C-alpha atoms as a PDB file:
ATOM      1  CA  MET A   1     -72.013 -59.160  14.044  1.00  0.00           C
ATOM      2  CA  LYS A   2     -72.164 -55.681  11.523  1.00  0.00           C
ATOM      3  CA  LYS A   3     -70.596 -53.802  14.392  1.00  0.00           C
ATOM      4  CA  ASN A   4     -67.742 -55.828  14.512  1.00  0.00           C
ATOM      5  CA  LEU A   5     -67.648 -56.140  10.862  1.00  0.00           C
ATOM      6  CA  PHE A   6     -67.585 -52.605  10.466  1.00  0.00           C
ATOM      7  CA  ALA A   7     -64.935 -52.365  12.698  1.00  0.00           C
ATOM      8  CA  SER A   8     -62.659 -54.787  10.983  1.00  0.00           C
ATOM      9  CA  VAL A   9     -63.119 -53.372   7.646  1.00  0.00           C
ATOM     10  CA  LEU A  10     -62.495 -49.989   9.301  1.00  0.00           C
ATOM     11  CA  SER A  11     -59.110 -51.333  11.283  1.00  0.00           C
ATOM     12  CA  ILE A  12     -57.808 -52.589   7.990  1.00  0.00           C
ATOM     13  CA  THR A  13     -58.520 -49.653   5.906  1.00  0.00           C
ATOM     14  CA  ILE A  14     -57.181 -47.633   8.265  1.00  0.00           C
ATOM     15  CA  LEU A  15     -53.761 -50.204   8.542  1.00  0.00           C
ATOM     16  CA  PHE A  16     -53.724 -50.339   4.707  1.00  0.00           C
ATOM     17  CA  ALA A  17     -54.074 -45.785   5.006  1.00  0.00           C
ATOM     18  CA  ILE A  18     -50.906 -45.694   7.616  1.00  0.00           C
ATOM     19  CA  HIS A  19     -48.792 -48.034   6.126  1.00  0.00           C
ATOM     20  CA  GLY A  20     -49.289 -49.108   2.617  1.00  0.00           C
ATOM     21  CA  CYS A  21     -50.157 -46.649   0.937  1.00  0.00           C
ATOM     22  CA  LYS A  22     -48.062 -43.345   0.475  1.00  0.00           C
ATOM     23  CA  THR A  23     -49.609 -39.773   0.780  1.00  0.00           C
ATOM     24  CA  ALA A  24     -50.011 -37.453  -2.293  1.00  0.00           C
ATOM     25  CA  ALA A  25     -46.957 -35.032  -1.553  1.00  0.00           C
ATOM     26  CA  GLU A  26     -45.151 -38.409  -1.226  1.00  0.00           C
ATOM     27  CA  LYS A  27     -46.801 -39.547  -4.666  1.00  0.00           C
ATOM     28  CA  GLU A  28     -45.756 -36.821  -6.622  1.00  0.00           C
ATOM     29  CA  GLU A  29     -42.539 -36.714  -5.159  1.00  0.00           C
ATOM     30  CA  ALA A  30     -42.456 -40.034  -6.607  1.00  0.00           C
ATOM     31  CA  ALA A  31     -43.338 -39.157 -10.508  1.00  0.00           C
ATOM     32  CA  GLU A  32     -41.732 -36.616 -10.386  1.00  0.00           C
ATOM     33  CA  ILE A  33     -38.473 -38.728  -9.421  1.00  0.00           C
ATOM     34  CA  LYS A  34     -39.772 -40.976 -12.613  1.00  0.00           C
ATOM     35  CA  VAL A  35     -40.428 -38.440 -15.069  1.00  0.00           C
ATOM     36  CA  GLU A  36     -36.773 -36.661 -14.264  1.00  0.00           C
ATOM     37  CA  ASN A  37     -35.390 -40.409 -15.067  1.00  0.00           C
ATOM     38  CA  ALA A  38     -37.191 -41.079 -18.247  1.00  0.00           C
ATOM     39  CA  GLN A  39     -36.516 -37.904 -19.733  1.00  0.00           C
ATOM     40  CA  THR A  40     -32.161 -38.142 -18.798  1.00  0.00           C
ATOM     41  CA  ASP A  41     -32.307 -41.617 -19.962  1.00  0.00           C
ATOM     42  CA  LEU A  42     -34.388 -39.811 -22.870  1.00  0.00           C
ATOM     43  CA  LYS A  43     -32.206 -37.047 -23.203  1.00  0.00           C
ATOM     44  CA  ASP A  44     -28.848 -39.490 -23.527  1.00  0.00           C
ATOM     45  CA  ALA A  45     -30.548 -41.755 -25.814  1.00  0.00           C
ATOM     46  CA  LYS A  46     -30.898 -38.847 -28.357  1.00  0.00           C
ATOM     47  CA  GLU A  47     -27.182 -38.004 -27.686  1.00  0.00           C
ATOM     48  CA  ALA A  48     -26.087 -41.238 -28.320  1.00  0.00           C
ATOM     49  CA  THR A  49     -27.908 -41.825 -31.383  1.00  0.00           C
ATOM     50  CA  ILE A  50     -26.701 -38.746 -32.722  1.00  0.00           C
ATOM     51  CA  THR A  51     -22.699 -38.909 -31.667  1.00  0.00           C
ATOM     52  CA  ASP A  52     -23.356 -42.455 -33.478  1.00  0.00           C
ATOM     53  CA  ALA A  53     -25.192 -40.876 -36.744  1.00  0.00           C
ATOM     54  CA  GLN A  54     -22.129 -37.672 -36.830  1.00  0.00           C
ATOM     55  CA  LYS A  55     -19.762 -40.314 -36.230  1.00  0.00           C
ATOM     56  CA  GLU A  56     -20.143 -42.718 -39.430  1.00  0.00           C
ATOM     57  CA  ALA A  57     -21.106 -39.341 -41.565  1.00  0.00           C
ATOM     58  CA  THR A  58     -17.798 -37.428 -41.272  1.00  0.00           C
ATOM     59  CA  ASP A  59     -16.492 -41.212 -41.886  1.00  0.00           C
ATOM     60  CA  ALA A  60     -17.944 -41.328 -45.515  1.00  0.00           C
ATOM     61  CA  GLU A  61     -17.248 -37.689 -45.140  1.00  0.00           C
ATOM     62  CA  TRP A  62     -14.123 -37.615 -44.959  1.00  0.00           C
ATOM     63  CA  LYS A  63     -13.308 -40.405 -47.221  1.00  0.00           C
ATOM     64  CA  ILE A  64     -14.843 -37.939 -50.207  1.00  0.00           C
ATOM     65  CA  TYR A  65     -13.297 -34.907 -48.876  1.00  0.00           C
ATOM     66  CA  LYS A  66      -9.660 -35.868 -48.578  1.00  0.00           C
ATOM     67  CA  ASN A  67     -10.160 -37.207 -52.497  1.00  0.00           C
ATOM     68  CA  ASN A  68     -11.359 -34.155 -53.275  1.00  0.00           C
ATOM     69  CA  ALA A  69      -8.631 -32.691 -51.410  1.00  0.00           C
ATOM     70  CA  GLU A  70      -5.475 -34.794 -53.073  1.00  0.00           C
ATOM     71  CA  THR A  71      -6.759 -34.301 -56.376  1.00  0.00           C
ATOM     72  CA  THR A  72      -6.883 -30.178 -56.203  1.00  0.00           C
ATOM     73  CA  ILE A  73      -3.719 -30.514 -54.046  1.00  0.00           C
ATOM     74  CA  ALA A  74      -1.989 -32.891 -56.703  1.00  0.00           C
ATOM     75  CA  ASN A  75      -3.724 -30.315 -59.640  1.00  0.00           C
ATOM     76  CA  ASN A  76      -2.094 -27.717 -57.532  1.00  0.00           C
ATOM     77  CA  GLU A  77       1.295 -29.308 -58.254  1.00  0.00           C
ATOM     78  CA  ILE A  78       1.095 -29.577 -62.174  1.00  0.00           C
ATOM     79  CA  ARG A  79       0.369 -26.051 -62.644  1.00  0.00           C
ATOM     80  CA  ILE A  80       2.930 -24.362 -60.091  1.00  0.00           C
ATOM     81  CA  ALA A  81       5.124 -26.894 -62.880  1.00  0.00           C
ATOM     82  CA  GLU A  82       3.625 -25.655 -65.507  1.00  0.00           C
ATOM     83  CA  LEU A  83       4.232 -22.035 -64.044  1.00  0.00           C
ATOM     84  CA  ARG A  84       7.939 -22.869 -63.958  1.00  0.00           C
ATOM     85  CA  VAL A  85       8.062 -24.055 -67.079  1.00  0.00           C
ATOM     86  CA  LYS A  86       6.377 -21.007 -68.696  1.00  0.00           C
ATOM     87  CA  MET A  87       8.586 -18.698 -67.109  1.00  0.00           C
ATOM     88  CA  THR A  88      11.997 -20.672 -68.620  1.00  0.00           C
ATOM     89  CA  LYS A  89      10.547 -21.059 -71.750  1.00  0.00           C
ATOM     90  CA  SER A  90       9.561 -17.135 -72.420  1.00  0.00           C
ATOM     91  CA  GLY A  91      13.455 -16.994 -73.496  1.00  0.00           C
ATOM     92  CA  LYS A  92      13.525 -14.390 -70.221  1.00  0.00           C
ATOM     93  CA  THR A  93      15.111 -15.109 -66.788  1.00  0.00           C
ATOM     94  CA  MET A  94      13.230 -15.901 -64.257  1.00  0.00           C
ATOM     95  CA  ASP A  95      12.768 -13.298 -62.139  1.00  0.00           C
ATOM     96  CA  ALA A  96      13.380 -13.625 -58.647  1.00  0.00           C
ATOM     97  CA  VAL A  97      10.457 -12.165 -57.648  1.00  0.00           C
ATOM     98  CA  TYR A  98       7.874 -14.813 -59.646  1.00  0.00           C
ATOM     99  CA  ALA A  99      10.960 -17.230 -58.370  1.00  0.00           C
ATOM    100  CA  SER A 100       9.970 -17.067 -55.184  1.00  0.00           C
ATOM    101  CA  LYS A 101       5.727 -16.260 -55.360  1.00  0.00           C
ATOM    102  CA  ILE A 102       5.551 -19.932 -57.145  1.00  0.00           C
ATOM    103  CA  ASN A 103       8.075 -21.378 -54.499  1.00  0.00           C
ATOM    104  CA  ALA A 104       5.951 -19.984 -52.026  1.00  0.00           C
ATOM    105  CA  MET A 105       3.024 -21.652 -53.136  1.00  0.00           C
ATOM    106  CA  GLN A 106       4.755 -24.687 -53.714  1.00  0.00           C
ATOM    107  CA  VAL A 107       5.503 -24.479 -50.056  1.00  0.00           C
ATOM    108  CA  GLN A 108       2.041 -23.417 -49.334  1.00  0.00           C
ATOM    109  CA  ASN A 109       0.534 -26.503 -51.478  1.00  0.00           C
ATOM    110  CA  LYS A 110       2.954 -29.211 -49.997  1.00  0.00           C
ATOM    111  CA  ASN A 111       1.964 -28.024 -46.092  1.00  0.00           C
ATOM    112  CA  LEU A 112      -1.294 -28.795 -47.100  1.00  0.00           C
ATOM    113  CA  LYS A 113      -0.830 -32.082 -48.332  1.00  0.00           C
ATOM    114  CA  ALA A 114       0.939 -32.797 -44.711  1.00  0.00           C
ATOM    115  CA  ARG A 115      -1.867 -31.311 -42.747  1.00  0.00           C
ATOM    116  CA  LEU A 116      -4.065 -33.391 -44.792  1.00  0.00           C
ATOM    117  CA  ASP A 117      -1.861 -36.242 -43.880  1.00  0.00           C
ATOM    118  CA  ALA A 118      -1.794 -35.391 -40.224  1.00  0.00           C
ATOM    119  CA  TYR A 119      -5.811 -35.207 -39.759  1.00  0.00           C
ATOM    120  CA  ASP A 120      -5.770 -38.673 -41.453  1.00  0.00           C
ATOM    121  CA  LYS A 121      -4.032 -40.051 -38.533  1.00  0.00           C
ATOM    122  CA  GLU A 122      -5.383 -37.837 -35.634  1.00  0.00           C
ATOM    123  CA  LYS A 123      -8.624 -37.176 -36.515  1.00  0.00           C
ATOM    124  CA  GLY A 124      -9.731 -33.905 -34.632  1.00  0.00           C
ATOM    125  CA  ASN A 125     -12.520 -31.302 -34.391  1.00  0.00           C
ATOM    126  CA  TRP A 126     -13.820 -32.298 -37.793  1.00  0.00           C
ATOM    127  CA  ALA A 127     -16.404 -28.551 -39.028  1.00  0.00           C
ATOM    128  CA  SER A 128     -12.723 -26.455 -38.261  1.00  0.00           C
ATOM    129  CA  PHE A 129     -10.399 -28.913 -39.826  1.00  0.00           C
ATOM    130  CA  LYS A 130     -13.050 -28.059 -43.453  1.00  0.00           C
ATOM    131  CA  THR A 131     -13.270 -24.903 -42.298  1.00  0.00           C
ATOM    132  CA  GLU A 132      -9.929 -23.287 -42.174  1.00  0.00           C
ATOM    133  CA  PHE A 133      -8.798 -26.311 -44.969  1.00  0.00           C
ATOM    134  CA  GLY A 134     -11.229 -25.874 -47.527  1.00  0.00           C
ATOM    135  CA  ASN A 135     -10.037 -21.738 -47.223  1.00  0.00           C
ATOM    136  CA  ASP A 136      -6.854 -22.417 -47.375  1.00  0.00           C
ATOM    137  CA  MET A 137      -6.676 -24.343 -50.648  1.00  0.00           C
ATOM    138  CA  ASP A 138      -9.717 -21.822 -52.138  1.00  0.00           C
ATOM    139  CA  GLU A 139      -6.418 -19.073 -51.191  1.00  0.00           C
ATOM    140  CA  LEU A 140      -4.080 -21.025 -52.820  1.00  0.00           C
ATOM    141  CA  GLY A 141      -6.150 -21.872 -55.586  1.00  0.00           C
ATOM    142  CA  LYS A 142      -6.874 -18.258 -56.020  1.00  0.00           C
ATOM    143  CA  ALA A 143      -3.507 -17.631 -55.702  1.00  0.00           C
ATOM    144  CA  ILE A 144      -2.063 -19.683 -58.937  1.00  0.00           C
ATOM    145  CA  ALA A 145      -5.305 -18.762 -61.222  1.00  0.00           C
ATOM    146  CA  GLY A 146      -4.348 -14.979 -60.509  1.00  0.00           C
ATOM    147  CA  PHE A 147      -0.107 -15.597 -61.471  1.00  0.00           C
ATOM    148  CA  VAL A 148      -1.228 -17.669 -64.309  1.00  0.00           C
ATOM    149  CA  THR A 149      -3.565 -14.546 -65.665  1.00  0.00           C
ATOM    150  CA  LYS A 150      -0.463 -12.380 -64.615  1.00  0.00           C
ATOM    151  CA  LYS A 151       1.580 -13.747 -66.455  1.00  0.00           C
ATOM    152  CA  ASP A 152      -0.044 -15.227 -69.659  1.00  0.00           C
END
């Protein structure tokens, strides 16, 4: 009876080992696949979260940036108009060189306004736009300030 019990237990163990159990290599491979899948899922979730957060921040940042830019453009228009008035009130006829510089500043200011409106309609690379547009706004502001200093 002990032999029959031992033989039964041994045969059941062998059957489970052959059919139901995986080898150590198979277990390791399955575990590696699960880890890779988990890492991929985590990476995708992080990217989705970052993208959503950046989009929301960009929308809020865009509204503030746009309002500030529109204010600066409006101030530039006023300063350019003041330059024209100062030159005509001085009693001297407007020098062609100064008139062309004022016209160029006015055109540049209008182009900035058009670029701002174009970006608002068709948003693109925010970081690139912000850098380039900001540099162009600064250059125009310096040109207007420099012109006023030279002519006053």
